[in-house]
């Protein structure tokens, strides 16, 4: 018997609905946990990389309709020295236990920089 021969009974549909709801609940909990890890990481990042002027999140993380369990998290950093880039990258990735992208704002082409400044959530910024 193949899957296309199985009648879709209300019992099967109810089971499928419960499965989907459970997966959505799991994903929401994972996102809440990730948010806490991001906040904790930002506090540590500020202490570990004191020359950094700002650290912000951008990309799909800010748009729940595009963010998924396998999405990476995109960060924009200002004032990070070139020689500290990989230290910062590995620091964030290890704290979040998730794939990330780390973009130095200074390397964003001027014609795109305004877009990044509008579409970001600042985690910290020096006064």
Protein backbone atom coordinates (compact mmCIF):
# COMPACT_ATOMS: atom_id res chain seq x y z
CA UNK A 1 0.00 0.00 0.00
CA UNK A 2 1.41 3.40 -0.93
CA UNK A 3 0.85 6.68 0.87
CA UNK A 4 -1.52 7.88 -1.85
CA UNK A 5 -3.85 4.96 -1.11
CA UNK A 6 -4.27 5.86 2.58
CA UNK A 7 -7.53 7.72 3.17
CA UNK A 8 -7.12 11.03 4.99
CA UNK A 9 -9.31 10.46 7.98
CA UNK A 10 -10.01 13.08 10.60
CA UNK A 11 -7.82 11.07 12.98
CA UNK A 12 -4.83 11.31 10.64
CA UNK A 13 -5.47 15.02 10.05
CA UNK A 14 -5.77 15.65 13.80
CA UNK A 15 -2.49 13.82 14.38
CA UNK A 16 -0.84 15.87 11.66
CA UNK A 17 -2.18 19.11 13.17
CA UNK A 18 -0.85 18.14 16.61
CA UNK A 19 2.55 17.27 15.10
CA UNK A 20 2.76 20.64 13.30
CA UNK A 21 1.71 22.54 16.43
CA UNK A 22 4.33 20.70 18.49
CA UNK A 23 7.03 21.55 15.93
CA UNK A 24 5.95 25.21 15.95
CA UNK A 25 6.03 25.27 19.75
CA UNK A 26 9.51 23.70 19.71
CA UNK A 27 10.70 26.33 17.23
CA UNK A 28 9.23 29.18 19.30
CA UNK A 29 11.00 27.86 22.41
CA UNK A 30 14.24 27.52 20.42
CA UNK A 31 13.90 31.14 19.26
CA UNK A 32 13.30 32.35 22.82
CA UNK A 33 16.37 30.44 23.98
CA UNK A 34 18.41 31.85 21.08
CA UNK A 35 17.30 35.38 22.01
CA UNK A 36 18.60 34.88 25.55
CA UNK A 37 21.89 33.50 24.24
CA UNK A 38 22.25 36.50 21.92
CA UNK A 39 21.71 38.94 24.80
CA UNK A 40 24.25 37.14 27.01
CA UNK A 41 26.73 36.93 24.14
CA UNK A 42 26.41 40.68 23.47
CA UNK A 43 27.33 41.49 27.09
CA UNK A 44 30.40 39.26 26.90
CA UNK A 45 31.28 40.54 23.41
CA UNK A 46 31.34 44.13 24.63
CA UNK A 47 33.78 43.19 27.39
CA UNK A 48 35.97 41.00 25.21
CA UNK A 49 36.16 43.43 22.27
CA UNK A 50 36.20 46.88 23.90
CA UNK A 51 37.20 48.71 20.72
CA UNK A 52 33.94 47.76 19.01
CA UNK A 53 31.61 50.72 18.57
CA UNK A 54 28.43 48.75 17.85
CA UNK A 55 27.09 45.26 17.34
CA UNK A 56 23.76 44.65 15.62
CA UNK A 57 21.65 41.84 14.19
CA UNK A 58 20.37 42.01 10.63
CA UNK A 59 18.90 39.64 8.08
CA UNK A 60 16.33 36.87 8.43
CA UNK A 61 16.46 36.82 12.25
CA UNK A 62 14.56 40.12 12.19
CA UNK A 63 11.89 38.64 9.91
CA UNK A 64 10.21 35.63 11.56
CA UNK A 65 8.52 34.67 8.31
CA UNK A 66 11.96 33.99 6.80
CA UNK A 67 13.80 32.64 9.87
CA UNK A 68 13.87 28.86 10.30
CA UNK A 69 15.52 26.31 12.59
CA UNK A 70 18.43 26.04 10.15
CA UNK A 71 18.87 29.76 9.48
CA UNK A 72 22.11 31.46 10.31
CA UNK A 73 22.19 34.72 12.27
CA UNK A 74 23.70 37.80 10.63
CA UNK A 75 25.61 40.40 12.64
CA UNK A 76 27.02 43.78 11.67
CA UNK A 77 29.92 45.06 13.75
CA UNK A 78 31.49 48.53 13.70
CA UNK A 79 35.00 49.27 14.91
CA UNK A 80 36.36 45.73 15.00
CA UNK A 81 40.02 45.56 14.05
CA UNK A 82 40.85 43.33 11.08
CA UNK A 83 43.20 41.18 13.14
CA UNK A 84 40.42 40.45 15.67
CA UNK A 85 37.79 39.46 13.09
CA UNK A 86 38.22 35.69 13.36
CA UNK A 87 38.38 35.85 17.15
CA UNK A 88 35.07 37.73 17.13
CA UNK A 89 33.51 35.39 14.58
CA UNK A 90 34.46 32.26 16.52
CA UNK A 91 33.40 33.86 19.80
CA UNK A 92 29.87 34.60 18.56
CA UNK A 93 29.48 31.28 16.79
CA UNK A 94 30.60 29.32 19.85
CA UNK A 95 28.30 31.25 22.20
CA UNK A 96 25.26 30.73 20.00
CA UNK A 97 26.18 27.25 18.81
CA UNK A 98 24.80 28.26 15.45
CA UNK A 99 26.16 29.30 12.07
CA UNK A 100 26.60 33.05 11.79
CA UNK A 101 27.71 35.73 9.38
CA UNK A 102 29.75 38.60 10.75
CA UNK A 103 29.97 41.68 8.57
CA UNK A 104 32.26 44.60 9.32
CA UNK A 105 30.25 47.77 8.66
CA UNK A 106 33.37 49.45 7.32
CA UNK A 107 33.47 46.87 4.51
CA UNK A 108 29.88 47.41 3.40
CA UNK A 109 29.84 49.44 0.17
CA UNK A 110 28.62 52.99 0.85
CA UNK A 111 25.59 52.56 -1.41
CA UNK A 112 24.39 49.62 0.76
CA UNK A 113 25.41 50.95 4.17
CA UNK A 114 22.22 52.98 4.67
CA UNK A 115 20.11 49.86 4.08
CA UNK A 116 22.07 47.93 6.72
CA UNK A 117 21.65 50.82 9.16
CA UNK A 118 17.88 50.81 8.67
CA UNK A 119 17.42 47.03 8.80
CA UNK A 120 19.15 46.11 12.00
CA UNK A 121 18.55 45.70 15.71
CA UNK A 122 21.35 47.20 17.75
CA UNK A 123 22.56 44.94 20.56
CA UNK A 124 24.86 47.61 21.91
CA UNK A 125 26.35 50.88 20.83
CA UNK A 126 28.93 53.09 22.49
CA UNK A 127 27.58 56.47 23.47
